[in-house]
Amino acid sequence: MKALLQRVARASVTVNGRIVGQVERGFVVLLGVTHTDTTTEADWLADKIVGIRLFEDDEGKLNLSLSDVGGTVLVVSQFTLYGDARKGRRPSFVAAARPEHAEPLVEYFVERLRQHGLQVETGVFGAKMLVEIHNDGPVTLMLERERPH
């Protein structure tokens, strides 16, 4: 499981001309799931996002977390995070989990964030979405749990 985490001033996701999720100050999490991911990876990633300090304190240092600033989260499932473009010109997406595996894990991840007391909005799994992101900073990180070899 990997997440492209972006600190935002605001963000929204629109499906069929209707806004289905929007947040103010907080994070957008573009979330990818691979075949071997389980709730263990989702737990780790949710805990990491809840605790990560990417907001400035009074001295301008990145010392504050989402809960410190009353931030919100917009989670958007994005299988293309597991795209492999090393060969040719058309990426392969074979590392992305099938929807029947990925969707329950995305829902579990969202619920884990909510259990931490965060306001969480989402896109629509599998839909064609327009995502508007006002990246603040810009601050963007790729988060992925390292697996033992």
Protein backbone atom coordinates (compact mmCIF):
# COMPACT_ATOMS: atom_id res chain seq x y z
CA MET A 1 0.00 0.00 0.00
CA LYS A 2 1.36 3.40 -0.89
CA ALA A 3 0.10 6.91 -0.45
CA LEU A 4 1.05 10.09 -2.21
CA LEU A 5 0.44 12.57 0.60
CA GLN A 6 -0.06 16.24 -0.23
CA ARG A 7 -0.52 19.04 2.28
CA VAL A 8 -3.33 21.21 0.94
CA ALA A 9 -4.97 24.55 1.58
CA ARG A 10 -8.12 23.01 0.07
CA ALA A 11 -9.10 20.18 -2.25
CA SER A 12 -12.16 18.58 -3.80
CA VAL A 13 -13.17 15.61 -5.89
CA THR A 14 -15.96 15.74 -8.45
CA VAL A 15 -17.79 12.83 -10.10
CA ASN A 16 -20.27 13.41 -12.94
CA GLY A 17 -20.28 17.16 -12.30
CA ARG A 18 -21.06 16.80 -8.55
CA ILE A 19 -18.62 17.44 -5.71
CA VAL A 20 -18.53 14.22 -3.67
CA GLY A 21 -15.81 15.22 -1.22
CA GLN A 22 -14.01 18.39 -0.23
CA VAL A 23 -11.66 19.53 2.50
CA GLU A 24 -10.00 22.68 3.70
CA ARG A 25 -6.58 22.72 5.36
CA GLY A 26 -5.24 19.21 5.64
CA PHE A 27 -4.07 16.37 3.43
CA VAL A 28 -5.03 14.75 0.16
CA VAL A 29 -4.10 11.08 0.19
CA LEU A 30 -3.87 9.43 -3.22
CA LEU A 31 -3.98 5.77 -2.18
CA GLY A 32 -2.74 2.76 -4.11
CA VAL A 33 -3.22 -0.89 -3.13
CA THR A 34 -1.21 -3.87 -4.37
CA HIS A 35 -2.04 -7.60 -4.28
CA THR A 36 -0.20 -8.45 -1.06
CA ASP A 37 -1.60 -5.58 1.03
CA THR A 38 -3.60 -6.38 4.15
CA THR A 39 -5.11 -4.46 7.04
CA THR A 40 -1.61 -4.45 8.58
CA GLU A 41 -0.37 -2.10 5.84
CA ALA A 42 -3.53 0.01 6.11
CA ASP A 43 -3.09 0.34 9.89
CA TRP A 44 0.55 1.35 9.54
CA LEU A 45 -0.21 3.92 6.85
CA ALA A 46 -3.17 5.44 8.72
CA ASP A 47 -1.11 5.71 11.91
CA LYS A 48 1.76 7.31 9.98
CA ILE A 49 -0.52 9.90 8.38
CA VAL A 50 -2.23 10.75 11.66
CA GLY A 51 1.09 11.39 13.40
CA ILE A 52 3.22 12.89 10.65
CA ARG A 53 4.24 16.47 11.34
CA LEU A 54 3.95 18.49 8.15
CA PHE A 55 2.40 21.73 9.40
CA GLU A 56 4.43 24.74 10.59
CA ASP A 57 4.59 25.82 14.20
CA ASP A 58 5.04 29.46 15.27
CA GLU A 59 8.72 29.27 14.32
CA GLY A 60 8.03 27.96 10.81
CA LYS A 61 9.24 24.43 11.55
CA LEU A 62 7.28 21.37 10.44
CA ASN A 63 6.32 20.32 13.99
CA LEU A 64 2.51 20.04 13.89
CA SER A 65 0.28 17.12 12.89
CA LEU A 66 -3.22 17.06 11.40
CA SER A 67 -4.89 16.93 14.80
CA ASP A 68 -2.69 19.80 16.07
CA VAL A 69 -4.07 22.09 13.36
CA GLY A 70 -7.62 20.68 13.13
CA GLY A 71 -6.89 19.39 9.63
CA THR A 72 -9.06 17.25 7.38
CA VAL A 73 -8.27 14.46 4.91
CA LEU A 74 -9.48 13.71 1.38
CA VAL A 75 -8.73 10.10 0.35
CA VAL A 76 -8.80 9.23 -3.34
CA SER A 77 -8.15 5.67 -4.50
CA GLN A 78 -5.59 5.66 -7.32
CA PHE A 79 -4.49 2.35 -8.82
CA THR A 80 -2.06 4.18 -11.13
CA LEU A 81 0.35 4.62 -8.19
CA TYR A 82 1.32 1.02 -8.95
CA GLY A 83 1.97 1.73 -12.61
CA ASP A 84 5.28 0.51 -14.00
CA ALA A 85 6.63 2.54 -16.91
CA ARG A 86 10.17 1.14 -17.00
CA LYS A 87 9.59 -0.61 -20.33
CA GLY A 88 7.94 0.79 -23.42
CA ARG A 89 5.57 3.72 -23.51
CA ARG A 90 2.44 2.21 -22.04
CA PRO A 91 2.58 1.61 -18.28
CA SER A 92 1.72 -1.79 -16.87
CA PHE A 93 -0.68 -1.87 -13.93
CA VAL A 94 -0.33 -5.54 -13.02
CA ALA A 95 1.01 -4.61 -9.56
CA ALA A 96 -2.25 -2.81 -8.72
CA ALA A 97 -4.72 -4.91 -6.76
CA ARG A 98 -7.99 -5.98 -8.36
CA PRO A 99 -11.01 -3.94 -7.24
CA GLU A 100 -12.44 -6.77 -5.12
CA HIS A 101 -9.22 -6.71 -3.04
CA ALA A 102 -8.49 -2.98 -3.15
CA GLU A 103 -11.89 -1.47 -2.38
CA PRO A 104 -12.36 -3.10 1.05
CA LEU A 105 -8.83 -2.06 2.04
CA VAL A 106 -9.44 1.53 0.95
CA GLU A 107 -12.65 1.57 3.01
CA TYR A 108 -10.80 0.06 5.98
CA PHE A 109 -8.05 2.70 5.69
CA VAL A 110 -10.63 5.51 5.65
CA GLU A 111 -12.34 4.07 8.72
CA ARG A 112 -8.99 3.81 10.55
CA LEU A 113 -8.38 7.53 9.92
CA ARG A 114 -11.86 8.31 11.25
CA GLN A 115 -11.21 6.21 14.36
CA HIS A 116 -8.38 8.64 15.10
CA GLY A 117 -10.96 11.43 15.22
CA LEU A 118 -10.21 12.92 11.82
CA GLN A 119 -12.79 14.32 9.42
CA VAL A 120 -12.30 12.26 6.25
CA GLU A 121 -13.88 12.79 2.85
CA THR A 122 -13.46 10.43 -0.10
CA GLY A 123 -13.76 10.08 -3.81
CA VAL A 124 -15.80 7.28 -5.40
CA PHE A 125 -13.92 4.01 -5.85
CA GLY A 126 -13.49 3.12 -9.52
CA ALA A 127 -15.16 6.30 -10.82
CA LYS A 128 -13.66 8.79 -13.22
CA MET A 129 -12.89 11.67 -10.89
CA LEU A 130 -11.74 15.24 -11.26
CA VAL A 131 -9.50 16.06 -8.30
CA GLU A 132 -8.71 19.67 -7.55
CA ILE A 133 -5.72 20.05 -5.27
CA HIS A 134 -4.36 23.31 -3.91
CA ASN A 135 -1.01 21.97 -2.67
CA ASP A 136 0.25 24.07 0.23
CA GLY A 137 4.00 24.61 0.25
CA PRO A 138 4.19 22.58 -1.92
CA VAL A 139 4.56 19.68 0.50
CA THR A 140 4.31 16.19 -1.02
CA LEU A 141 5.56 12.84 0.30
CA MET A 142 5.36 9.26 -0.94
CA LEU A 143 4.62 6.92 1.97
CA GLU A 144 5.02 3.17 1.65
CA ARG A 145 5.69 0.58 4.31
CA GLU A 146 8.91 -1.32 3.79
CA ARG A 147 8.37 -5.06 3.87
CA PRO A 148 10.96 -7.40 5.33
CA HIS A 149 12.80 -9.42 2.71
